[in-house]
């Protein structure tokens, strides 16, 4: 039996308060995990990010 590796991703939508789009972008790239969990408005659960590939 072969083994396969699958990559999953968890997508979450959050609300970020900022004075400009640039500031929102900066905050989006530096936000801590706890803040994401606290401010999420939607959690789609895990989805397949990359299809299975055989592990050799």
PDB file of N, CA and C in Angstrom:
ATOM      1  N   UNK A   1       0.851  -1.176   0.000  1.00  0.00           N
ATOM      2  CA  UNK A   1       0.000   0.000   0.000  1.00  0.00           C
ATOM      3  C   UNK A   1       0.897   1.239   0.000  1.00  0.00           C
ATOM      4  N   UNK A   2       0.589   2.203  -0.837  1.00  0.00           N
ATOM      5  CA  UNK A   2       1.364   3.444  -0.934  1.00  0.00           C
ATOM      6  C   UNK A   2       0.919   4.436   0.140  1.00  0.00           C
ATOM      7  N   UNK A   3       1.801   5.356   0.441  1.00  0.00           N
ATOM      8  CA  UNK A   3       1.480   6.437   1.387  1.00  0.00           C
ATOM      9  C   UNK A   3       1.411   7.739   0.606  1.00  0.00           C
ATOM     10  N   UNK A   4       0.480   8.597   0.986  1.00  0.00           N
ATOM     11  CA  UNK A   4       0.282   9.873   0.312  1.00  0.00           C
ATOM     12  C   UNK A   4       0.250  10.996   1.324  1.00  0.00           C
ATOM     13  N   UNK A   5       0.753  12.139   0.929  1.00  0.00           N
ATOM     14  CA  UNK A   5       0.745  13.326   1.782  1.00  0.00           C
ATOM     15  C   UNK A   5      -0.265  14.321   1.208  1.00  0.00           C
ATOM     16  N   UNK A   6      -1.107  14.848   2.086  1.00  0.00           N
ATOM     17  CA  UNK A   6      -2.111  15.840   1.698  1.00  0.00           C
ATOM     18  C   UNK A   6      -1.894  17.075   2.551  1.00  0.00           C
ATOM     19  N   UNK A   7      -1.947  18.234   1.952  1.00  0.00           N
ATOM     20  CA  UNK A   7      -1.776  19.497   2.683  1.00  0.00           C
ATOM     21  C   UNK A   7      -3.141  20.151   2.865  1.00  0.00           C
ATOM     22  N   UNK A   8      -3.478  20.461   4.127  1.00  0.00           N
ATOM     23  CA  UNK A   8      -4.747  21.108   4.462  1.00  0.00           C
ATOM     24  C   UNK A   8      -4.496  22.541   4.922  1.00  0.00           C
ATOM     25  N   UNK A   9      -5.499  23.377   4.761  1.00  0.00           N
ATOM     26  CA  UNK A   9      -5.426  24.757   5.237  1.00  0.00           C
ATOM     27  C   UNK A   9      -6.729  25.075   5.972  1.00  0.00           C
ATOM     28  N   UNK A  10      -6.625  25.938   6.953  1.00  0.00           N
ATOM     29  CA  UNK A  10      -7.789  26.384   7.709  1.00  0.00           C
ATOM     30  C   UNK A  10      -7.982  27.861   7.411  1.00  0.00           C
ATOM     31  N   UNK A  11      -9.110  28.198   6.815  1.00  0.00           N
ATOM     32  CA  UNK A  11      -9.376  29.585   6.458  1.00  0.00           C
ATOM     33  C   UNK A  11     -10.312  30.219   7.473  1.00  0.00           C
ATOM     34  N   UNK A  12      -9.943  31.423   7.930  1.00  0.00           N
ATOM     35  CA  UNK A  12     -10.760  32.170   8.879  1.00  0.00           C
ATOM     36  C   UNK A  12     -10.881  33.609   8.394  1.00  0.00           C
ATOM     37  N   UNK A  13     -12.064  34.163   8.511  1.00  0.00           N
ATOM     38  CA  UNK A  13     -12.264  35.580   8.204  1.00  0.00           C
ATOM     39  C   UNK A  13     -12.316  36.328   9.517  1.00  0.00           C
ATOM     40  N   UNK A  14     -11.620  37.466   9.583  1.00  0.00           N
ATOM     41  CA  UNK A  14     -11.551  38.276  10.799  1.00  0.00           C
ATOM     42  C   UNK A  14     -11.812  39.734  10.473  1.00  0.00           C
ATOM     43  N   UNK A  15     -12.174  40.486  11.489  1.00  0.00           N
ATOM     44  CA  UNK A  15     -12.332  41.933  11.364  1.00  0.00           C
ATOM     45  C   UNK A  15     -11.106  42.587  11.985  1.00  0.00           C
ATOM     46  N   UNK A  16     -10.456  43.469  11.229  1.00  0.00           N
ATOM     47  CA  UNK A  16      -9.292  44.210  11.706  1.00  0.00           C
ATOM     48  C   UNK A  16      -9.639  45.690  11.668  1.00  0.00           C
ATOM     49  N   UNK A  17      -9.461  46.371  12.787  1.00  0.00           N
ATOM     50  CA  UNK A  17      -9.694  47.815  12.828  1.00  0.00           C
ATOM     51  C   UNK A  17      -8.400  48.536  12.505  1.00  0.00           C
ATOM     52  N   UNK A  18      -8.471  49.470  11.566  1.00  0.00           N
ATOM     53  CA  UNK A  18      -7.280  50.218  11.149  1.00  0.00           C
ATOM     54  C   UNK A  18      -7.711  51.546  10.549  1.00  0.00           C
ATOM     55  N   UNK A  19      -6.778  52.495  10.523  1.00  0.00           N
ATOM     56  CA  UNK A  19      -7.050  53.819   9.973  1.00  0.00           C
ATOM     57  C   UNK A  19      -6.858  53.886   8.462  1.00  0.00           C
ATOM     58  N   UNK A  20      -6.213  52.869   7.887  1.00  0.00           N
ATOM     59  CA  UNK A  20      -5.986  52.869   6.442  1.00  0.00           C
ATOM     60  C   UNK A  20      -5.836  51.427   5.957  1.00  0.00           C
ATOM     61  N   UNK A  21      -5.924  51.260   4.653  1.00  0.00           N
ATOM     62  CA  UNK A  21      -5.727  49.949   4.066  1.00  0.00           C
ATOM     63  C   UNK A  21      -4.309  49.458   4.318  1.00  0.00           C
ATOM     64  N   UNK A  22      -3.335  50.347   4.256  1.00  0.00           N
ATOM     65  CA  UNK A  22      -1.941  49.974   4.519  1.00  0.00           C
ATOM     66  C   UNK A  22      -1.775  49.460   5.946  1.00  0.00           C
ATOM     67  N   UNK A  23      -2.386  50.157   6.908  1.00  0.00           N
ATOM     68  CA  UNK A  23      -2.303  49.720   8.299  1.00  0.00           C
ATOM     69  C   UNK A  23      -3.002  48.372   8.476  1.00  0.00           C
ATOM     70  N   UNK A  24      -4.138  48.174   7.827  1.00  0.00           N
ATOM     71  CA  UNK A  24      -4.846  46.900   7.909  1.00  0.00           C
ATOM     72  C   UNK A  24      -3.988  45.776   7.331  1.00  0.00           C
ATOM     73  N   UNK A  25      -3.309  46.051   6.234  1.00  0.00           N
ATOM     74  CA  UNK A  25      -2.425  45.066   5.620  1.00  0.00           C
ATOM     75  C   UNK A  25      -1.276  44.708   6.563  1.00  0.00           C
ATOM     76  N   UNK A  26      -0.680  45.712   7.193  1.00  0.00           N
ATOM     77  CA  UNK A  26       0.401  45.478   8.159  1.00  0.00           C
ATOM     78  C   UNK A  26      -0.085  44.620   9.324  1.00  0.00           C
ATOM     79  N   UNK A  27      -1.255  44.963   9.854  1.00  0.00           N
ATOM     80  CA  UNK A  27      -1.808  44.200  10.977  1.00  0.00           C
ATOM     81  C   UNK A  27      -2.125  42.769  10.560  1.00  0.00           C
ATOM     82  N   UNK A  28      -2.633  42.592   9.349  1.00  0.00           N
ATOM     83  CA  UNK A  28      -2.993  41.262   8.867  1.00  0.00           C
ATOM     84  C   UNK A  28      -1.784  40.334   8.810  1.00  0.00           C
ATOM     85  N   UNK A  29      -0.613  40.893   8.530  1.00  0.00           N
ATOM     86  CA  UNK A  29       0.589  40.081   8.404  1.00  0.00           C
ATOM     87  C   UNK A  29       1.317  39.856   9.733  1.00  0.00           C
ATOM     88  N   UNK A  30       0.915  40.552  10.779  1.00  0.00           N
ATOM     89  CA  UNK A  30       1.612  40.417  12.062  1.00  0.00           C
ATOM     90  C   UNK A  30       0.691  39.984  13.201  1.00  0.00           C
ATOM     91  N   UNK A  31      -0.571  39.727  12.917  1.00  0.00           N
ATOM     92  CA  UNK A  31      -1.551  39.389  13.949  1.00  0.00           C
ATOM     93  C   UNK A  31      -1.196  38.054  14.621  1.00  0.00           C
ATOM     94  N   UNK A  32      -1.420  37.962  15.906  1.00  0.00           N
ATOM     95  CA  UNK A  32      -1.143  36.752  16.676  1.00  0.00           C
ATOM     96  C   UNK A  32      -2.312  35.768  16.540  1.00  0.00           C
ATOM     97  N   UNK A  33      -2.032  34.493  16.712  1.00  0.00           N
ATOM     98  CA  UNK A  33      -3.055  33.460  16.583  1.00  0.00           C
ATOM     99  C   UNK A  33      -4.255  33.714  17.494  1.00  0.00           C
ATOM    100  N   UNK A  34      -3.980  34.121  18.733  1.00  0.00           N
ATOM    101  CA  UNK A  34      -5.065  34.349  19.697  1.00  0.00           C
ATOM    102  C   UNK A  34      -5.995  35.461  19.227  1.00  0.00           C
ATOM    103  N   UNK A  35      -5.432  36.478  18.610  1.00  0.00           N
ATOM    104  CA  UNK A  35      -6.254  37.590  18.110  1.00  0.00           C
ATOM    105  C   UNK A  35      -7.118  37.133  16.944  1.00  0.00           C
ATOM    106  N   UNK A  36      -6.566  36.295  16.087  1.00  0.00           N
ATOM    107  CA  UNK A  36      -7.352  35.763  14.969  1.00  0.00           C
ATOM    108  C   UNK A  36      -8.541  34.994  15.515  1.00  0.00           C
ATOM    109  N   UNK A  37      -8.297  34.125  16.479  1.00  0.00           N
ATOM    110  CA  UNK A  37      -9.378  33.336  17.059  1.00  0.00           C
ATOM    111  C   UNK A  37     -10.418  34.212  17.750  1.00  0.00           C
ATOM    112  N   UNK A  38      -9.977  35.296  18.361  1.00  0.00           N
ATOM    113  CA  UNK A  38     -10.891  36.193  19.084  1.00  0.00           C
ATOM    114  C   UNK A  38     -11.741  37.028  18.142  1.00  0.00           C
ATOM    115  N   UNK A  39     -11.204  37.386  16.975  1.00  0.00           N
ATOM    116  CA  UNK A  39     -11.895  38.315  16.082  1.00  0.00           C
ATOM    117  C   UNK A  39     -12.505  37.658  14.853  1.00  0.00           C
ATOM    118  N   UNK A  40     -12.452  36.305  14.781  1.00  0.00           N
ATOM    119  CA  UNK A  40     -12.959  35.658  13.577  1.00  0.00           C
ATOM    120  C   UNK A  40     -14.460  35.850  13.430  1.00  0.00           C
ATOM    121  N   UNK A  41     -14.885  36.024  12.184  1.00  0.00           N
ATOM    122  CA  UNK A  41     -16.307  36.158  11.873  1.00  0.00           C
ATOM    123  C   UNK A  41     -16.812  34.949  11.112  1.00  0.00           C
ATOM    124  N   UNK A  42     -15.881  34.160  10.558  1.00  0.00           N
ATOM    125  CA  UNK A  42     -16.264  32.952   9.827  1.00  0.00           C
ATOM    126  C   UNK A  42     -15.114  31.961   9.860  1.00  0.00           C
ATOM    127  N   UNK A  43     -15.440  30.707  10.083  1.00  0.00           N
ATOM    128  CA  UNK A  43     -14.445  29.647  10.100  1.00  0.00           C
ATOM    129  C   UNK A  43     -14.964  28.548   9.189  1.00  0.00           C
ATOM    130  N   UNK A  44     -14.312  28.373   8.041  1.00  0.00           N
ATOM    131  CA  UNK A  44     -14.785  27.409   7.053  1.00  0.00           C
ATOM    132  C   UNK A  44     -14.332  25.990   7.350  1.00  0.00           C
ATOM    133  N   UNK A  45     -13.499  25.804   8.364  1.00  0.00           N
ATOM    134  CA  UNK A  45     -12.951  24.490   8.647  1.00  0.00           C
ATOM    135  C   UNK A  45     -11.807  24.178   7.692  1.00  0.00           C
ATOM    136  N   UNK A  46     -11.288  22.991   7.814  1.00  0.00           N
ATOM    137  CA  UNK A  46     -10.155  22.602   6.985  1.00  0.00           C
ATOM    138  C   UNK A  46     -10.618  22.240   5.583  1.00  0.00           C
ATOM    139  N   UNK A  47      -9.831  22.633   4.598  1.00  0.00           N
ATOM    140  CA  UNK A  47     -10.066  22.271   3.204  1.00  0.00           C
ATOM    141  C   UNK A  47      -8.751  21.768   2.616  1.00  0.00           C
ATOM    142  N   UNK A  48      -8.842  20.964   1.578  1.00  0.00           N
ATOM    143  CA  UNK A  48      -7.631  20.469   0.922  1.00  0.00           C
ATOM    144  C   UNK A  48      -6.974  21.643   0.200  1.00  0.00           C
ATOM    145  N   UNK A  49      -5.711  21.886   0.515  1.00  0.00           N
ATOM    146  CA  UNK A  49      -4.957  22.964  -0.100  1.00  0.00           C
ATOM    147  C   UNK A  49      -4.161  22.440  -1.294  1.00  0.00           C
ATOM    148  N   UNK A  50      -3.509  21.319  -1.102  1.00  0.00           N
ATOM    149  CA  UNK A  50      -2.782  20.652  -2.190  1.00  0.00           C
ATOM    150  C   UNK A  50      -3.244  19.204  -2.245  1.00  0.00           C
ATOM    151  N   UNK A  51      -3.510  18.729  -3.433  1.00  0.00           N
ATOM    152  CA  UNK A  51      -3.984  17.362  -3.641  1.00  0.00           C
ATOM    153  C   UNK A  51      -2.940  16.349  -3.154  1.00  0.00           C
ATOM    154  N   UNK A  52      -3.362  15.137  -2.876  1.00  0.00           N
ATOM    155  CA  UNK A  52      -2.433  14.109  -2.406  1.00  0.00           C
ATOM    156  C   UNK A  52      -1.283  13.866  -3.393  1.00  0.00           C
ATOM    157  N   UNK A  53      -0.101  13.683  -2.842  1.00  0.00           N
ATOM    158  CA  UNK A  53       1.073  13.301  -3.629  1.00  0.00           C
ATOM    159  C   UNK A  53       1.695  12.090  -2.957  1.00  0.00           C
ATOM    160  N   UNK A  54       2.197  11.187  -3.780  1.00  0.00           N
ATOM    161  CA  UNK A  54       2.770   9.963  -3.234  1.00  0.00           C
ATOM    162  C   UNK A  54       4.078  10.240  -2.535  1.00  0.00           C
ATOM    163  N   UNK A  55       4.250   9.612  -1.378  1.00  0.00           N
ATOM    164  CA  UNK A  55       5.498   9.725  -0.629  1.00  0.00           C
ATOM    165  C   UNK A  55       6.394   8.570  -1.073  1.00  0.00           C
ATOM    166  N   UNK A  56       7.550   8.886  -1.564  1.00  0.00           N
ATOM    167  CA  UNK A  56       8.481   7.841  -2.066  1.00  0.00           C
ATOM    168  C   UNK A  56       9.468   7.463  -0.995  1.00  0.00           C
TER     169      UNK A  56
END
